Amino acid sequence: MNERVVALGYENLDFLGNLGHSIAWASGDRVHIEPGNRARLDSVGSFTFEPHIRRPGGSYGYKHEDIYRFVDGRLSPL
């Protein structure tokens, strides 16, 4: 996903390269969408996709968060 962010002309502002995470009661139990994580998104009950991006060299960034889950094998926003 980070490669796609760069290909679209943006940079990820998250200091860990994170683009979202699973929804969990404790933050330590979250599975993050980050470099090196090979977990499938359908392996968790629900997850957020929240890229924090900006154009390289820009003064302002943008962050939008949506929460998703899979219903009958299809991605569904909550």
N, C-alpha and C. Protein backbone atom coordinates (compact mmCIF):
# COMPACT_ATOMS: atom_id res chain seq x y z
N MET A 1 0.82 -1.20 0.00
CA MET A 1 0.00 0.00 0.00
C MET A 1 0.86 1.26 0.00
N ASN A 2 1.98 1.23 0.73
CA ASN A 2 2.85 2.41 0.72
C ASN A 2 3.42 2.67 -0.66
N GLU A 3 3.71 1.61 -1.41
CA GLU A 3 4.18 1.80 -2.79
C GLU A 3 3.10 2.48 -3.63
N ARG A 4 1.85 2.12 -3.41
CA ARG A 4 0.74 2.73 -4.14
C ARG A 4 0.59 4.21 -3.75
N VAL A 5 0.75 4.53 -2.47
CA VAL A 5 0.68 5.92 -2.01
C VAL A 5 1.72 6.75 -2.76
N VAL A 6 2.95 6.24 -2.85
CA VAL A 6 4.04 6.94 -3.55
C VAL A 6 3.74 7.04 -5.05
N ALA A 7 3.24 5.96 -5.63
CA ALA A 7 2.92 5.96 -7.07
C ALA A 7 1.85 6.99 -7.41
N LEU A 8 0.98 7.29 -6.45
CA LEU A 8 -0.07 8.29 -6.66
C LEU A 8 0.41 9.72 -6.37
N GLY A 9 1.69 9.85 -6.01
CA GLY A 9 2.28 11.18 -5.82
C GLY A 9 2.18 11.74 -4.41
N TYR A 10 2.10 10.85 -3.41
CA TYR A 10 1.99 11.29 -2.02
C TYR A 10 3.10 10.65 -1.19
N GLU A 11 3.21 11.09 0.06
CA GLU A 11 4.09 10.44 1.02
C GLU A 11 3.28 10.13 2.27
N ASN A 12 3.62 9.02 2.91
CA ASN A 12 2.95 8.61 4.14
C ASN A 12 3.58 9.37 5.31
N LEU A 13 2.78 10.05 6.10
CA LEU A 13 3.30 10.83 7.22
C LEU A 13 3.40 10.05 8.52
N ASP A 14 2.86 8.83 8.55
CA ASP A 14 2.94 8.04 9.77
C ASP A 14 4.39 7.65 10.04
N PHE A 15 4.88 7.91 11.24
CA PHE A 15 6.30 7.70 11.53
C PHE A 15 6.71 6.24 11.48
N LEU A 16 5.75 5.30 11.53
CA LEU A 16 6.06 3.88 11.42
C LEU A 16 5.67 3.31 10.06
N GLY A 17 5.18 4.14 9.17
CA GLY A 17 4.74 3.67 7.85
C GLY A 17 3.40 2.99 7.88
N ASN A 18 2.67 3.15 8.96
CA ASN A 18 1.37 2.52 9.20
C ASN A 18 0.30 3.16 8.32
N LEU A 19 -0.66 2.35 7.84
CA LEU A 19 -1.79 2.87 7.05
C LEU A 19 -3.13 2.54 7.68
N GLY A 20 -3.13 1.90 8.82
CA GLY A 20 -4.36 1.50 9.50
C GLY A 20 -4.08 0.35 10.45
N HIS A 21 -5.15 -0.23 11.02
CA HIS A 21 -4.98 -1.30 11.99
C HIS A 21 -6.29 -2.02 12.24
N SER A 22 -6.18 -3.19 12.85
CA SER A 22 -7.38 -3.91 13.25
C SER A 22 -8.04 -3.17 14.40
N ILE A 23 -9.32 -3.43 14.61
CA ILE A 23 -10.05 -2.84 15.73
C ILE A 23 -9.92 -3.81 16.90
N ALA A 24 -9.38 -3.33 18.02
CA ALA A 24 -9.18 -4.16 19.20
C ALA A 24 -9.44 -3.33 20.45
N TRP A 25 -9.81 -4.00 21.55
CA TRP A 25 -10.06 -3.29 22.81
C TRP A 25 -8.80 -2.60 23.32
N ALA A 26 -7.68 -3.30 23.25
CA ALA A 26 -6.41 -2.75 23.73
C ALA A 26 -5.53 -2.41 22.53
N SER A 27 -4.92 -1.24 22.54
CA SER A 27 -4.09 -0.82 21.41
C SER A 27 -2.94 -1.79 21.16
N GLY A 28 -2.45 -2.46 22.20
CA GLY A 28 -1.37 -3.42 22.04
C GLY A 28 -1.80 -4.68 21.28
N ASP A 29 -3.09 -4.90 21.16
CA ASP A 29 -3.62 -6.08 20.45
C ASP A 29 -3.89 -5.79 18.98
N ARG A 30 -3.68 -4.58 18.55
CA ARG A 30 -3.94 -4.22 17.16
C ARG A 30 -2.95 -4.89 16.21
N VAL A 31 -3.44 -5.25 15.04
CA VAL A 31 -2.59 -5.71 13.94
C VAL A 31 -2.51 -4.53 12.99
N HIS A 32 -1.32 -4.00 12.77
CA HIS A 32 -1.16 -2.80 11.97
C HIS A 32 -0.92 -3.10 10.50
N ILE A 33 -1.46 -2.26 9.64
CA ILE A 33 -1.18 -2.30 8.21
C ILE A 33 0.10 -1.51 8.04
N GLU A 34 1.22 -2.23 8.02
CA GLU A 34 2.53 -1.60 8.02
C GLU A 34 3.53 -2.47 7.27
N PRO A 35 4.67 -1.88 6.90
CA PRO A 35 5.70 -2.66 6.20
C PRO A 35 6.08 -3.91 7.00
N GLY A 36 6.18 -5.04 6.32
CA GLY A 36 6.59 -6.28 6.96
C GLY A 36 5.46 -7.13 7.50
N ASN A 37 4.27 -6.57 7.67
CA ASN A 37 3.13 -7.35 8.16
C ASN A 37 2.54 -8.13 7.00
N ARG A 38 2.45 -9.45 7.14
CA ARG A 38 1.93 -10.30 6.07
C ARG A 38 0.52 -10.82 6.39
N ALA A 39 -0.09 -10.35 7.48
CA ALA A 39 -1.43 -10.81 7.85
C ALA A 39 -2.46 -10.35 6.81
N ARG A 40 -3.41 -11.22 6.53
CA ARG A 40 -4.49 -10.87 5.60
C ARG A 40 -5.53 -10.02 6.33
N LEU A 41 -6.12 -9.07 5.63
CA LEU A 41 -7.13 -8.21 6.24
C LEU A 41 -8.34 -9.00 6.69
N ASP A 42 -8.65 -10.10 6.01
CA ASP A 42 -9.81 -10.90 6.42
C ASP A 42 -9.51 -11.81 7.61
N SER A 43 -8.30 -11.68 8.20
CA SER A 43 -7.96 -12.47 9.38
C SER A 43 -8.40 -11.78 10.68
N VAL A 44 -8.91 -10.56 10.58
CA VAL A 44 -9.39 -9.82 11.75
C VAL A 44 -10.88 -9.50 11.56
N GLY A 45 -11.58 -9.23 12.65
CA GLY A 45 -13.02 -8.96 12.56
C GLY A 45 -13.34 -7.68 11.82
N SER A 46 -12.59 -6.64 12.11
CA SER A 46 -12.77 -5.35 11.43
C SER A 46 -11.46 -4.58 11.51
N PHE A 47 -11.33 -3.62 10.64
CA PHE A 47 -10.08 -2.86 10.59
C PHE A 47 -10.36 -1.46 10.07
N THR A 48 -9.43 -0.58 10.35
CA THR A 48 -9.50 0.79 9.85
C THR A 48 -8.43 0.98 8.78
N PHE A 49 -8.77 1.76 7.78
CA PHE A 49 -7.78 2.18 6.79
C PHE A 49 -7.73 3.69 6.92
N GLU A 50 -6.59 4.22 7.37
CA GLU A 50 -6.50 5.63 7.70
C GLU A 50 -5.16 6.22 7.26
N PRO A 51 -4.93 6.29 5.96
CA PRO A 51 -3.66 6.87 5.53
C PRO A 51 -3.56 8.34 5.92
N HIS A 52 -2.39 8.73 6.39
CA HIS A 52 -2.09 10.12 6.73
C HIS A 52 -1.05 10.55 5.71
N ILE A 53 -1.47 11.31 4.71
CA ILE A 53 -0.62 11.57 3.54
C ILE A 53 -0.54 13.06 3.21
N ARG A 54 0.44 13.39 2.40
CA ARG A 54 0.57 14.73 1.83
C ARG A 54 1.39 14.62 0.55
N ARG A 55 1.36 15.66 -0.23
CA ARG A 55 2.25 15.75 -1.39
C ARG A 55 3.66 16.01 -0.86
N PRO A 56 4.68 15.38 -1.42
CA PRO A 56 6.04 15.61 -0.95
C PRO A 56 6.40 17.10 -0.92
N GLY A 57 6.93 17.54 0.20
CA GLY A 57 7.30 18.94 0.36
C GLY A 57 6.15 19.86 0.71
N GLY A 58 4.94 19.30 0.79
CA GLY A 58 3.78 20.12 1.10
C GLY A 58 3.75 20.57 2.55
N SER A 59 2.96 21.58 2.83
CA SER A 59 2.85 22.11 4.19
C SER A 59 1.76 21.44 5.00
N TYR A 60 0.80 20.82 4.32
CA TYR A 60 -0.35 20.23 5.00
C TYR A 60 -0.52 18.78 4.59
N GLY A 61 -1.03 17.97 5.51
CA GLY A 61 -1.35 16.58 5.23
C GLY A 61 -2.84 16.36 5.38
N TYR A 62 -3.27 15.17 5.07
CA TYR A 62 -4.68 14.81 5.13
C TYR A 62 -4.79 13.41 5.73
N LYS A 63 -5.75 13.23 6.62
CA LYS A 63 -5.99 11.92 7.20
C LYS A 63 -7.50 11.68 7.23
N HIS A 64 -7.92 10.57 6.69
CA HIS A 64 -9.33 10.18 6.69
C HIS A 64 -9.42 8.75 7.15
N GLU A 65 -10.32 8.46 8.05
CA GLU A 65 -10.43 7.12 8.61
C GLU A 65 -11.79 6.51 8.30
N ASP A 66 -11.77 5.29 7.78
CA ASP A 66 -12.97 4.48 7.61
C ASP A 66 -12.74 3.15 8.29
N ILE A 67 -13.81 2.53 8.78
CA ILE A 67 -13.71 1.21 9.39
C ILE A 67 -14.43 0.22 8.48
N TYR A 68 -13.80 -0.92 8.27
CA TYR A 68 -14.30 -1.93 7.34
C TYR A 68 -14.36 -3.31 8.01
N ARG A 69 -15.14 -4.18 7.40
CA ARG A 69 -15.16 -5.60 7.74
C ARG A 69 -15.54 -6.37 6.48
N PHE A 70 -15.38 -7.65 6.52
CA PHE A 70 -15.78 -8.50 5.40
C PHE A 70 -17.11 -9.15 5.74
N VAL A 71 -18.05 -9.06 4.82
CA VAL A 71 -19.36 -9.71 4.96
C VAL A 71 -19.53 -10.61 3.74
N ASP A 72 -19.66 -11.91 4.00
CA ASP A 72 -19.80 -12.89 2.91
C ASP A 72 -18.67 -12.75 1.89
N GLY A 73 -17.45 -12.50 2.38
CA GLY A 73 -16.29 -12.42 1.50
C GLY A 73 -16.13 -11.10 0.77
N ARG A 74 -17.00 -10.12 1.04
CA ARG A 74 -16.92 -8.82 0.37
C ARG A 74 -16.63 -7.73 1.39
N LEU A 75 -15.81 -6.77 0.99
CA LEU A 75 -15.46 -5.65 1.86
C LEU A 75 -16.67 -4.76 2.08
N SER A 76 -16.94 -4.41 3.33
CA SER A 76 -18.10 -3.61 3.68
C SER A 76 -17.72 -2.54 4.69
N PRO A 77 -18.02 -1.26 4.41
CA PRO A 77 -17.73 -0.22 5.41
C PRO A 77 -18.75 -0.29 6.54
N LEU A 78 -18.34 0.07 7.74
CA LEU A 78 -19.27 0.13 8.88
C LEU A 78 -19.97 1.46 8.93
